[in-house]
Amino acid sequence: MLSCSALKERYRRALLAGNPGVLVVHLKGDYDLIWGRMKNRPEHYMKPDMLKSQFVTLEEPPYGLVVDASLPVDKIVEEVLAHAAQMDDA
């Protein structure tokens, strides 16, 4: 499993090209939620001041799985794994 921040559609197209098993998950949260979490990660490479540009750059995908970022981490993982299992069964 791999995760990345592919904010633009052209980045996602490049990741999806020739990779039919890739699941796009849009972990959706509002600015205040993400800002609050970032302020509590002082050792993280991305500083909170960079968040505004990330929201400006984001091109929300009209496909894939949308998961509420305010959910507890274990619930987020559960939703993603359940969706991936459904894809495998299809």
PDB file of N, CA and C in Angstrom:
ATOM      1  N   MET A   1       0.847  -1.168   0.000  1.00  0.00           N
ATOM      2  CA  MET A   1       0.000   0.000   0.000  1.00  0.00           C
ATOM      3  C   MET A   1       0.892   1.230   0.000  1.00  0.00           C
ATOM      4  N   LEU A   2       0.470   2.220  -0.736  1.00  0.00           N
ATOM      5  CA  LEU A   2       1.217   3.463  -0.870  1.00  0.00           C
ATOM      6  C   LEU A   2       0.229   4.606  -0.834  1.00  0.00           C
ATOM      7  N   SER A   3       0.604   5.676  -0.203  1.00  0.00           N
ATOM      8  CA  SER A   3      -0.248   6.862  -0.243  1.00  0.00           C
ATOM      9  C   SER A   3       0.596   8.054  -0.675  1.00  0.00           C
ATOM     10  N   CYS A   4      -0.075   9.004  -1.288  1.00  0.00           N
ATOM     11  CA  CYS A   4       0.616  10.214  -1.694  1.00  0.00           C
ATOM     12  C   CYS A   4      -0.405  11.331  -1.848  1.00  0.00           C
ATOM     13  N   SER A   5       0.091  12.526  -1.948  1.00  0.00           N
ATOM     14  CA  SER A   5      -0.762  13.678  -2.136  1.00  0.00           C
ATOM     15  C   SER A   5      -0.708  14.061  -3.612  1.00  0.00           C
ATOM     16  N   ALA A   6      -1.650  13.563  -4.372  1.00  0.00           N
ATOM     17  CA  ALA A   6      -1.739  13.882  -5.800  1.00  0.00           C
ATOM     18  C   ALA A   6      -2.839  14.932  -5.948  1.00  0.00           C
ATOM     19  N   LEU A   7      -2.471  16.172  -5.746  1.00  0.00           N
ATOM     20  CA  LEU A   7      -3.455  17.250  -5.679  1.00  0.00           C
ATOM     21  C   LEU A   7      -4.079  17.594  -7.027  1.00  0.00           C
ATOM     22  N   LYS A   8      -3.353  17.358  -8.095  1.00  0.00           N
ATOM     23  CA  LYS A   8      -3.849  17.721  -9.426  1.00  0.00           C
ATOM     24  C   LYS A   8      -4.263  16.483 -10.211  1.00  0.00           C
ATOM     25  N   GLU A   9      -5.242  16.668 -11.076  1.00  0.00           N
ATOM     26  CA  GLU A   9      -5.741  15.559 -11.885  1.00  0.00           C
ATOM     27  C   GLU A   9      -4.639  14.957 -12.752  1.00  0.00           C
ATOM     28  N   ARG A  10      -3.760  15.776 -13.285  1.00  0.00           N
ATOM     29  CA  ARG A  10      -2.703  15.228 -14.148  1.00  0.00           C
ATOM     30  C   ARG A  10      -1.764  14.320 -13.360  1.00  0.00           C
ATOM     31  N   TYR A  11      -1.559  14.595 -12.084  1.00  0.00           N
ATOM     32  CA  TYR A  11      -0.739  13.708 -11.252  1.00  0.00           C
ATOM     33  C   TYR A  11      -1.445  12.367 -11.064  1.00  0.00           C
ATOM     34  N   ARG A  12      -2.757  12.425 -10.801  1.00  0.00           N
ATOM     35  CA  ARG A  12      -3.512  11.181 -10.622  1.00  0.00           C
ATOM     36  C   ARG A  12      -3.557  10.382 -11.908  1.00  0.00           C
ATOM     37  N   ARG A  13      -3.714  11.040 -13.046  1.00  0.00           N
ATOM     38  CA  ARG A  13      -3.710  10.318 -14.333  1.00  0.00           C
ATOM     39  C   ARG A  13      -2.397   9.587 -14.525  1.00  0.00           C
ATOM     40  N   ALA A  14      -1.299  10.224 -14.170  1.00  0.00           N
ATOM     41  CA  ALA A  14       0.016   9.586 -14.318  1.00  0.00           C
ATOM     42  C   ALA A  14       0.125   8.372 -13.400  1.00  0.00           C
ATOM     43  N   LEU A  15      -0.379   8.478 -12.191  1.00  0.00           N
ATOM     44  CA  LEU A  15      -0.324   7.349 -11.259  1.00  0.00           C
ATOM     45  C   LEU A  15      -1.235   6.204 -11.691  1.00  0.00           C
ATOM     46  N   LEU A  16      -2.365   6.539 -12.296  1.00  0.00           N
ATOM     47  CA  LEU A  16      -3.334   5.524 -12.709  1.00  0.00           C
ATOM     48  C   LEU A  16      -2.965   4.838 -14.024  1.00  0.00           C
ATOM     49  N   ALA A  17      -2.169   5.502 -14.847  1.00  0.00           N
ATOM     50  CA  ALA A  17      -1.830   4.969 -16.168  1.00  0.00           C
ATOM     51  C   ALA A  17      -1.158   3.604 -16.059  1.00  0.00           C
ATOM     52  N   GLY A  18      -1.813   2.593 -16.633  1.00  0.00           N
ATOM     53  CA  GLY A  18      -1.262   1.252 -16.637  1.00  0.00           C
ATOM     54  C   GLY A  18      -1.324   0.543 -15.291  1.00  0.00           C
ATOM     55  N   ASN A  19      -2.058   1.112 -14.358  1.00  0.00           N
ATOM     56  CA  ASN A  19      -2.167   0.536 -13.014  1.00  0.00           C
ATOM     57  C   ASN A  19      -3.638   0.393 -12.624  1.00  0.00           C
ATOM     58  N   PRO A  20      -4.315  -0.601 -13.175  1.00  0.00           N
ATOM     59  CA  PRO A  20      -5.756  -0.727 -12.953  1.00  0.00           C
ATOM     60  C   PRO A  20      -6.146  -1.015 -11.504  1.00  0.00           C
ATOM     61  N   GLY A  21      -5.228  -1.461 -10.673  1.00  0.00           N
ATOM     62  CA  GLY A  21      -5.555  -1.780  -9.288  1.00  0.00           C
ATOM     63  C   GLY A  21      -5.420  -0.619  -8.324  1.00  0.00           C
ATOM     64  N   VAL A  22      -5.082   0.571  -8.825  1.00  0.00           N
ATOM     65  CA  VAL A  22      -4.893   1.722  -7.947  1.00  0.00           C
ATOM     66  C   VAL A  22      -6.248   2.257  -7.503  1.00  0.00           C
ATOM     67  N   LEU A  23      -6.383   2.482  -6.214  1.00  0.00           N
ATOM     68  CA  LEU A  23      -7.592   3.055  -5.645  1.00  0.00           C
ATOM     69  C   LEU A  23      -7.308   4.498  -5.262  1.00  0.00           C
ATOM     70  N   VAL A  24      -8.071   5.419  -5.816  1.00  0.00           N
ATOM     71  CA  VAL A  24      -7.952   6.823  -5.451  1.00  0.00           C
ATOM     72  C   VAL A  24      -8.861   7.054  -4.250  1.00  0.00           C
ATOM     73  N   VAL A  25      -8.265   7.550  -3.176  1.00  0.00           N
ATOM     74  CA  VAL A  25      -9.011   7.878  -1.963  1.00  0.00           C
ATOM     75  C   VAL A  25      -8.834   9.362  -1.709  1.00  0.00           C
ATOM     76  N   HIS A  26      -9.959  10.051  -1.664  1.00  0.00           N
ATOM     77  CA  HIS A  26      -9.921  11.478  -1.342  1.00  0.00           C
ATOM     78  C   HIS A  26     -10.277  11.599   0.128  1.00  0.00           C
ATOM     79  N   LEU A  27      -9.283  11.838   0.943  1.00  0.00           N
ATOM     80  CA  LEU A  27      -9.460  12.038   2.369  1.00  0.00           C
ATOM     81  C   LEU A  27      -9.848  13.503   2.548  1.00  0.00           C
ATOM     82  N   LYS A  28     -11.149  13.744   2.670  1.00  0.00           N
ATOM     83  CA  LYS A  28     -11.681  15.101   2.603  1.00  0.00           C
ATOM     84  C   LYS A  28     -11.892  15.705   3.983  1.00  0.00           C
ATOM     85  N   GLY A  29     -11.273  16.844   4.175  1.00  0.00           N
ATOM     86  CA  GLY A  29     -11.423  17.583   5.420  1.00  0.00           C
ATOM     87  C   GLY A  29     -11.364  19.070   5.141  1.00  0.00           C
ATOM     88  N   ASP A  30     -12.009  19.844   5.987  1.00  0.00           N
ATOM     89  CA  ASP A  30     -11.980  21.285   5.763  1.00  0.00           C
ATOM     90  C   ASP A  30     -10.676  21.886   6.294  1.00  0.00           C
ATOM     91  N   TYR A  31     -10.466  23.139   5.947  1.00  0.00           N
ATOM     92  CA  TYR A  31      -9.217  23.822   6.274  1.00  0.00           C
ATOM     93  C   TYR A  31      -8.938  23.811   7.773  1.00  0.00           C
ATOM     94  N   ASP A  32      -9.954  24.123   8.581  1.00  0.00           N
ATOM     95  CA  ASP A  32      -9.752  24.210  10.029  1.00  0.00           C
ATOM     96  C   ASP A  32      -9.347  22.869  10.633  1.00  0.00           C
ATOM     97  N   LEU A  33      -9.961  21.787  10.170  1.00  0.00           N
ATOM     98  CA  LEU A  33      -9.613  20.458  10.665  1.00  0.00           C
ATOM     99  C   LEU A  33      -8.154  20.137  10.360  1.00  0.00           C
ATOM    100  N   ILE A  34      -7.763  20.338   9.115  1.00  0.00           N
ATOM    101  CA  ILE A  34      -6.397  20.007   8.700  1.00  0.00           C
ATOM    102  C   ILE A  34      -5.388  20.926   9.395  1.00  0.00           C
ATOM    103  N   TRP A  35      -5.703  22.214   9.473  1.00  0.00           N
ATOM    104  CA  TRP A  35      -4.825  23.184  10.148  1.00  0.00           C
ATOM    105  C   TRP A  35      -4.580  22.755  11.597  1.00  0.00           C
ATOM    106  N   GLY A  36      -5.646  22.379  12.288  1.00  0.00           N
ATOM    107  CA  GLY A  36      -5.512  21.963  13.682  1.00  0.00           C
ATOM    108  C   GLY A  36      -4.609  20.752  13.838  1.00  0.00           C
ATOM    109  N   ARG A  37      -4.732  19.806  12.934  1.00  0.00           N
ATOM    110  CA  ARG A  37      -3.878  18.610  13.006  1.00  0.00           C
ATOM    111  C   ARG A  37      -2.421  18.949  12.693  1.00  0.00           C
ATOM    112  N   MET A  38      -2.231  19.798  11.729  1.00  0.00           N
ATOM    113  CA  MET A  38      -0.857  20.146  11.337  1.00  0.00           C
ATOM    114  C   MET A  38      -0.129  20.894  12.443  1.00  0.00           C
ATOM    115  N   LYS A  39      -0.838  21.744  13.152  1.00  0.00           N
ATOM    116  CA  LYS A  39      -0.200  22.502  14.232  1.00  0.00           C
ATOM    117  C   LYS A  39       0.311  21.566  15.329  1.00  0.00           C
ATOM    118  N   ASN A  40      -0.275  20.385  15.428  1.00  0.00           N
ATOM    119  CA  ASN A  40       0.131  19.429  16.457  1.00  0.00           C
ATOM    120  C   ASN A  40       1.211  18.468  15.976  1.00  0.00           C
ATOM    121  N   ARG A  41       1.788  18.720  14.791  1.00  0.00           N
ATOM    122  CA  ARG A  41       2.865  17.878  14.254  1.00  0.00           C
ATOM    123  C   ARG A  41       4.099  18.738  14.003  1.00  0.00           C
ATOM    124  N   PRO A  42       4.754  19.203  15.039  1.00  0.00           N
ATOM    125  CA  PRO A  42       5.873  20.143  14.857  1.00  0.00           C
ATOM    126  C   PRO A  42       7.064  19.573  14.100  1.00  0.00           C
ATOM    127  N   GLU A  43       7.242  18.272  14.093  1.00  0.00           N
ATOM    128  CA  GLU A  43       8.392  17.668  13.421  1.00  0.00           C
ATOM    129  C   GLU A  43       8.106  17.296  11.970  1.00  0.00           C
ATOM    130  N   HIS A  44       6.887  17.527  11.501  1.00  0.00           N
ATOM    131  CA  HIS A  44       6.530  17.144  10.136  1.00  0.00           C
ATOM    132  C   HIS A  44       7.180  18.109   9.146  1.00  0.00           C
ATOM    133  N   TYR A  45       7.531  17.591   7.968  1.00  0.00           N
ATOM    134  CA  TYR A  45       8.221  18.417   6.964  1.00  0.00           C
ATOM    135  C   TYR A  45       7.344  19.545   6.436  1.00  0.00           C
ATOM    136  N   MET A  46       6.040  19.317   6.371  1.00  0.00           N
ATOM    137  CA  MET A  46       5.147  20.345   5.822  1.00  0.00           C
ATOM    138  C   MET A  46       4.672  21.253   6.942  1.00  0.00           C
ATOM    139  N   LYS A  47       5.026  22.496   6.843  1.00  0.00           N
ATOM    140  CA  LYS A  47       4.658  23.468   7.866  1.00  0.00           C
ATOM    141  C   LYS A  47       3.229  23.955   7.636  1.00  0.00           C
ATOM    142  N   PRO A  48       2.506  24.275   8.709  1.00  0.00           N
ATOM    143  CA  PRO A  48       1.116  24.716   8.574  1.00  0.00           C
ATOM    144  C   PRO A  48       0.921  25.904   7.627  1.00  0.00           C
ATOM    145  N   ASP A  49       1.933  26.750   7.511  1.00  0.00           N
ATOM    146  CA  ASP A  49       1.820  27.915   6.619  1.00  0.00           C
ATOM    147  C   ASP A  49       1.643  27.504   5.158  1.00  0.00           C
ATOM    148  N   MET A  50       2.002  26.273   4.821  1.00  0.00           N
ATOM    149  CA  MET A  50       1.905  25.804   3.444  1.00  0.00           C
ATOM    150  C   MET A  50       0.504  25.297   3.097  1.00  0.00           C
ATOM    151  N   LEU A  51      -0.360  25.171   4.094  1.00  0.00           N
ATOM    152  CA  LEU A  51      -1.658  24.546   3.876  1.00  0.00           C
ATOM    153  C   LEU A  51      -2.543  25.316   2.906  1.00  0.00           C
ATOM    154  N   LYS A  52      -2.560  26.619   2.990  1.00  0.00           N
ATOM    155  CA  LYS A  52      -3.431  27.410   2.110  1.00  0.00           C
ATOM    156  C   LYS A  52      -3.145  27.102   0.646  1.00  0.00           C
ATOM    157  N   SER A  53      -1.876  27.037   0.292  1.00  0.00           N
ATOM    158  CA  SER A  53      -1.539  26.759  -1.113  1.00  0.00           C
ATOM    159  C   SER A  53      -1.980  25.358  -1.524  1.00  0.00           C
ATOM    160  N   GLN A  54      -1.985  24.425  -0.578  1.00  0.00           N
ATOM    161  CA  GLN A  54      -2.432  23.078  -0.888  1.00  0.00           C
ATOM    162  C   GLN A  54      -3.929  23.046  -1.198  1.00  0.00           C
ATOM    163  N   PHE A  55      -4.700  23.814  -0.442  1.00  0.00           N
ATOM    164  CA  PHE A  55      -6.137  23.891  -0.706  1.00  0.00           C
ATOM    165  C   PHE A  55      -6.416  24.602  -2.030  1.00  0.00           C
ATOM    166  N   VAL A  56      -5.620  25.603  -2.363  1.00  0.00           N
ATOM    167  CA  VAL A  56      -5.783  26.315  -3.636  1.00  0.00           C
ATOM    168  C   VAL A  56      -5.440  25.383  -4.800  1.00  0.00           C
ATOM    169  N   THR A  57      -4.417  24.568  -4.648  1.00  0.00           N
ATOM    170  CA  THR A  57      -3.951  23.672  -5.697  1.00  0.00           C
ATOM    171  C   THR A  57      -4.868  22.471  -5.908  1.00  0.00           C
ATOM    172  N   LEU A  58      -5.533  22.017  -4.854  1.00  0.00           N
ATOM    173  CA  LEU A  58      -6.328  20.798  -4.921  1.00  0.00           C
ATOM    174  C   LEU A  58      -7.393  20.835  -6.011  1.00  0.00           C
ATOM    175  N   GLU A  59      -7.362  19.815  -6.852  1.00  0.00           N
ATOM    176  CA  GLU A  59      -8.421  19.562  -7.835  1.00  0.00           C
ATOM    177  C   GLU A  59      -9.112  18.291  -7.363  1.00  0.00           C
ATOM    178  N   GLU A  60     -10.263  18.446  -6.693  1.00  0.00           N
ATOM    179  CA  GLU A  60     -10.941  17.287  -6.111  1.00  0.00           C
ATOM    180  C   GLU A  60     -11.324  16.300  -7.204  1.00  0.00           C
ATOM    181  N   PRO A  61     -10.997  15.025  -7.004  1.00  0.00           N
ATOM    182  CA  PRO A  61     -11.325  14.020  -8.024  1.00  0.00           C
ATOM    183  C   PRO A  61     -12.827  13.741  -8.045  1.00  0.00           C
ATOM    184  N   PRO A  62     -13.415  13.615  -9.240  1.00  0.00           N
ATOM    185  CA  PRO A  62     -14.845  13.292  -9.344  1.00  0.00           C
ATOM    186  C   PRO A  62     -15.091  11.782  -9.303  1.00  0.00           C
ATOM    187  N   TYR A  63     -14.118  11.019  -8.879  1.00  0.00           N
ATOM    188  CA  TYR A  63     -14.171   9.558  -8.848  1.00  0.00           C
ATOM    189  C   TYR A  63     -13.408   9.079  -7.618  1.00  0.00           C
ATOM    190  N   GLY A  64     -13.459   7.795  -7.391  1.00  0.00           N
ATOM    191  CA  GLY A  64     -12.729   7.209  -6.273  1.00  0.00           C
ATOM    192  C   GLY A  64     -13.556   7.230  -5.006  1.00  0.00           C
ATOM    193  N   LEU A  65     -12.923   6.918  -3.921  1.00  0.00           N
ATOM    194  CA  LEU A  65     -13.560   6.844  -2.614  1.00  0.00           C
ATOM    195  C   LEU A  65     -13.321   8.134  -1.862  1.00  0.00           C
ATOM    196  N   VAL A  66     -14.393   8.750  -1.385  1.00  0.00           N
ATOM    197  CA  VAL A  66     -14.282   9.959  -0.557  1.00  0.00           C
ATOM    198  C   VAL A  66     -14.492   9.529   0.889  1.00  0.00           C
ATOM    199  N   VAL A  67     -13.527   9.860   1.741  1.00  0.00           N
ATOM    200  CA  VAL A  67     -13.591   9.495   3.146  1.00  0.00           C
ATOM    201  C   VAL A  67     -13.479  10.770   3.980  1.00  0.00           C
ATOM    202  N   ASP A  68     -14.318  10.861   4.981  1.00  0.00           N
ATOM    203  CA  ASP A  68     -14.342  12.010   5.881  1.00  0.00           C
ATOM    204  C   ASP A  68     -13.085  12.013   6.750  1.00  0.00           C
ATOM    205  N   ALA A  69     -12.257  13.025   6.609  1.00  0.00           N
ATOM    206  CA  ALA A  69     -10.997  13.103   7.342  1.00  0.00           C
ATOM    207  C   ALA A  69     -11.194  13.322   8.834  1.00  0.00           C
ATOM    208  N   SER A  70     -12.394  13.691   9.249  1.00  0.00           N
ATOM    209  CA  SER A  70     -12.628  13.903  10.681  1.00  0.00           C
ATOM    210  C   SER A  70     -12.869  12.592  11.427  1.00  0.00           C
ATOM    211  N   LEU A  71     -13.011  11.501  10.698  1.00  0.00           N
ATOM    212  CA  LEU A  71     -13.198  10.194  11.342  1.00  0.00           C
ATOM    213  C   LEU A  71     -11.915   9.770  12.051  1.00  0.00           C
ATOM    214  N   PRO A  72     -12.043   8.916  13.062  1.00  0.00           N
ATOM    215  CA  PRO A  72     -10.834   8.361  13.689  1.00  0.00           C
ATOM    216  C   PRO A  72     -10.037   7.542  12.659  1.00  0.00           C
ATOM    217  N   VAL A  73      -8.738   7.495  12.832  1.00  0.00           N
ATOM    218  CA  VAL A  73      -7.864   6.820  11.870  1.00  0.00           C
ATOM    219  C   VAL A  73      -8.292   5.381  11.633  1.00  0.00           C
ATOM    220  N   ASP A  74      -8.670   4.664  12.677  1.00  0.00           N
ATOM    221  CA  ASP A  74      -9.045   3.260  12.487  1.00  0.00           C
ATOM    222  C   ASP A  74     -10.292   3.130  11.615  1.00  0.00           C
ATOM    223  N   LYS A  75     -11.216   4.080  11.695  1.00  0.00           N
ATOM    224  CA  LYS A  75     -12.419   4.051  10.853  1.00  0.00           C
ATOM    225  C   LYS A  75     -12.079   4.380   9.403  1.00  0.00           C
ATOM    226  N   ILE A  76     -11.143   5.298   9.211  1.00  0.00           N
ATOM    227  CA  ILE A  76     -10.697   5.641   7.859  1.00  0.00           C
ATOM    228  C   ILE A  76     -10.080   4.409   7.200  1.00  0.00           C
ATOM    229  N   VAL A  77      -9.189   3.748   7.917  1.00  0.00           N
ATOM    230  CA  VAL A  77      -8.532   2.547   7.393  1.00  0.00           C
ATOM    231  C   VAL A  77      -9.570   1.472   7.090  1.00  0.00           C
ATOM    232  N   GLU A  78     -10.533   1.311   7.981  1.00  0.00           N
ATOM    233  CA  GLU A  78     -11.593   0.318   7.786  1.00  0.00           C
ATOM    234  C   GLU A  78     -12.376   0.584   6.499  1.00  0.00           C
ATOM    235  N   GLU A  79     -12.737   1.861   6.264  1.00  0.00           N
ATOM    236  CA  GLU A  79     -13.474   2.209   5.041  1.00  0.00           C
ATOM    237  C   GLU A  79     -12.650   1.933   3.794  1.00  0.00           C
ATOM    238  N   VAL A  80     -11.388   2.308   3.823  1.00  0.00           N
ATOM    239  CA  VAL A  80     -10.528   2.108   2.653  1.00  0.00           C
ATOM    240  C   VAL A  80     -10.350   0.616   2.371  1.00  0.00           C
ATOM    241  N   LEU A  81     -10.077  -0.159   3.399  1.00  0.00           N
ATOM    242  CA  LEU A  81      -9.883  -1.595   3.201  1.00  0.00           C
ATOM    243  C   LEU A  81     -11.162  -2.278   2.724  1.00  0.00           C
ATOM    244  N   ALA A  82     -12.303  -1.865   3.241  1.00  0.00           N
ATOM    245  CA  ALA A  82     -13.580  -2.442   2.807  1.00  0.00           C
ATOM    246  C   ALA A  82     -13.828  -2.131   1.337  1.00  0.00           C
ATOM    247  N   HIS A  83     -13.551  -0.906   0.936  1.00  0.00           N
ATOM    248  CA  HIS A  83     -13.735  -0.523  -0.453  1.00  0.00           C
ATOM    249  C   HIS A  83     -12.774  -1.286  -1.362  1.00  0.00           C
ATOM    250  N   ALA A  84     -11.520  -1.414  -0.928  1.00  0.00           N
ATOM    251  CA  ALA A  84     -10.526  -2.150  -1.720  1.00  0.00           C
ATOM    252  C   ALA A  84     -10.947  -3.613  -1.871  1.00  0.00           C
ATOM    253  N   ALA A  85     -11.503  -4.198  -0.825  1.00  0.00           N
ATOM    254  CA  ALA A  85     -11.961  -5.590  -0.898  1.00  0.00           C
ATOM    255  C   ALA A  85     -13.098  -5.727  -1.892  1.00  0.00           C
ATOM    256  N   GLN A  86     -13.991  -4.747  -1.935  1.00  0.00           N
ATOM    257  CA  GLN A  86     -15.084  -4.764  -2.908  1.00  0.00           C
ATOM    258  C   GLN A  86     -14.530  -4.692  -4.317  1.00  0.00           C
ATOM    259  N   MET A  87     -13.496  -3.890  -4.517  1.00  0.00           N
ATOM    260  CA  MET A  87     -12.871  -3.796  -5.848  1.00  0.00           C
ATOM    261  C   MET A  87     -12.273  -5.130  -6.249  1.00  0.00           C
ATOM    262  N   ASP A  88     -11.659  -5.815  -5.297  1.00  0.00           N
ATOM    263  CA  ASP A  88     -11.039  -7.119  -5.576  1.00  0.00           C
ATOM    264  C   ASP A  88     -12.087  -8.157  -5.945  1.00  0.00           C
ATOM    265  N   ASP A  89     -13.282  -8.056  -5.345  1.00  0.00           N
ATOM    266  CA  ASP A  89     -14.360  -9.003  -5.614  1.00  0.00           C
ATOM    267  C   ASP A  89     -15.045  -8.759  -6.946  1.00  0.00           C
ATOM    268  N   ALA A  90     -14.888  -7.547  -7.469  1.00  0.00           N
ATOM    269  CA  ALA A  90     -15.570  -7.186  -8.723  1.00  0.00           C
ATOM    270  C   ALA A  90     -14.892  -7.793  -9.932  1.00  0.00           C
TER     271      ALA A  90
END
